Amino acid sequence: MYLEIVSPEATLFAGEVTSVTVPGVNGEFQMLNNHEPIISLLQEGNVKVDGNISVDEEFASKFSKDSDGKTILPISSGTVEMKDNKVIVLAD
């Protein structure tokens, strides 16, 4: 599936991923390939991305890796939309 992570400053990441886990206001949830369409508000927490991804050097300092090898982006709030195997995270 295709993921875009967009902040007010720039598009932080765009590319193919295996899964995305986000901090929804009603709890953390994960989206996999062919997930049903969804729109949700996000709260403070971590966006966790699984897959062989590379982040532009300009934004690499915003991301880290966890012990499972997932790429982590801390956010303070935002929204997520998934439709037709495309996930867009609007993150603050």
Protein backbone atom coordinates (compact mmCIF):
# COMPACT_ATOMS: atom_id res chain seq x y z
CA MET A 1 0.00 0.00 0.00
CA TYR A 2 1.07 3.59 -0.50
CA LEU A 3 1.71 5.95 2.43
CA GLU A 4 2.08 9.72 2.53
CA ILE A 5 2.99 11.51 5.75
CA VAL A 6 2.36 15.22 5.41
CA SER A 7 3.21 17.93 7.95
CA PRO A 8 2.48 21.67 7.72
CA GLU A 9 6.06 22.16 6.49
CA ALA A 10 6.40 19.41 3.87
CA THR A 11 5.70 15.86 2.78
CA LEU A 12 7.89 13.90 5.22
CA PHE A 13 7.51 10.52 3.52
CA ALA A 14 5.84 9.05 0.45
CA GLY A 15 6.23 5.44 -0.66
CA GLU A 16 5.18 1.81 -0.46
CA VAL A 17 4.88 0.22 3.00
CA THR A 18 3.69 -3.04 4.56
CA SER A 19 1.65 -1.60 7.46
CA VAL A 20 0.96 1.64 9.32
CA THR A 21 0.02 1.92 13.00
CA VAL A 22 -1.39 5.23 14.24
CA PRO A 23 -2.46 6.68 17.63
CA GLY A 24 -6.21 7.11 17.11
CA VAL A 25 -8.26 9.08 19.64
CA ASN A 26 -9.97 5.81 20.67
CA GLY A 27 -6.73 3.84 20.78
CA GLU A 28 -3.90 2.72 18.55
CA PHE A 29 -4.84 0.84 15.37
CA GLN A 30 -3.08 -0.71 12.41
CA MET A 31 -3.86 -0.61 8.71
CA LEU A 32 -2.72 -3.32 6.32
CA ASN A 33 -3.08 -3.78 2.57
CA ASN A 34 -6.74 -3.76 1.43
CA HIS A 35 -8.00 -2.23 4.71
CA GLU A 36 -11.52 -0.85 4.58
CA PRO A 37 -11.74 2.91 3.95
CA ILE A 38 -11.35 4.90 7.16
CA ILE A 39 -10.94 8.48 8.37
CA SER A 40 -9.86 9.13 11.97
CA LEU A 41 -8.53 11.84 14.22
CA LEU A 42 -5.11 11.17 15.74
CA GLN A 43 -3.80 12.07 19.18
CA GLU A 44 -0.30 12.47 20.55
CA GLY A 45 1.75 9.34 20.01
CA ASN A 46 3.78 7.51 17.40
CA VAL A 47 3.08 6.67 13.79
CA LYS A 48 4.74 3.27 13.24
CA VAL A 49 5.60 2.23 9.70
CA ASP A 50 6.61 -1.29 8.71
CA GLY A 51 8.39 -1.90 5.44
CA ASN A 52 11.69 -1.24 3.74
CA ILE A 53 11.45 2.55 3.64
CA SER A 54 13.95 5.31 3.14
CA VAL A 55 13.41 8.84 4.41
CA ASP A 56 14.93 11.91 2.77
CA GLU A 57 18.00 13.16 4.65
CA GLU A 58 16.25 16.49 5.18
CA PHE A 59 13.63 14.80 7.43
CA ALA A 60 15.61 11.83 8.80
CA SER A 61 16.06 13.49 12.22
CA LYS A 62 12.27 13.39 12.79
CA PHE A 63 12.19 9.57 12.47
CA SER A 64 13.68 6.75 14.55
CA LYS A 65 13.64 2.93 14.57
CA ASP A 66 12.12 0.75 17.29
CA SER A 67 13.41 -2.62 18.49
CA ASP A 68 11.20 -4.41 15.91
CA GLY A 69 12.76 -2.44 13.04
CA LYS A 70 9.68 -0.30 12.47
CA THR A 71 10.17 3.35 11.57
CA ILE A 72 8.69 5.70 14.18
CA LEU A 73 7.46 9.29 13.78
CA PRO A 74 6.24 11.07 16.94
CA ILE A 75 3.23 13.35 16.38
CA SER A 76 1.21 15.67 18.60
CA SER A 77 -2.07 15.32 16.65
CA GLY A 78 -3.44 14.87 13.17
CA THR A 79 -5.78 12.93 10.92
CA VAL A 80 -5.49 9.77 8.84
CA GLU A 81 -7.40 8.66 5.77
CA MET A 82 -7.15 5.29 4.04
CA LYS A 83 -8.89 4.61 0.76
CA ASP A 84 -8.02 2.33 -2.18
CA ASN A 85 -4.73 1.18 -0.55
CA LYS A 86 -3.50 4.75 -0.08
CA VAL A 87 -2.93 6.08 3.43
CA ILE A 88 -2.53 9.81 4.03
CA VAL A 89 -1.40 10.95 7.49
CA LEU A 90 -1.72 14.69 8.13
CA ALA A 91 0.52 15.14 11.16
CA ASP A 92 1.28 18.03 13.50
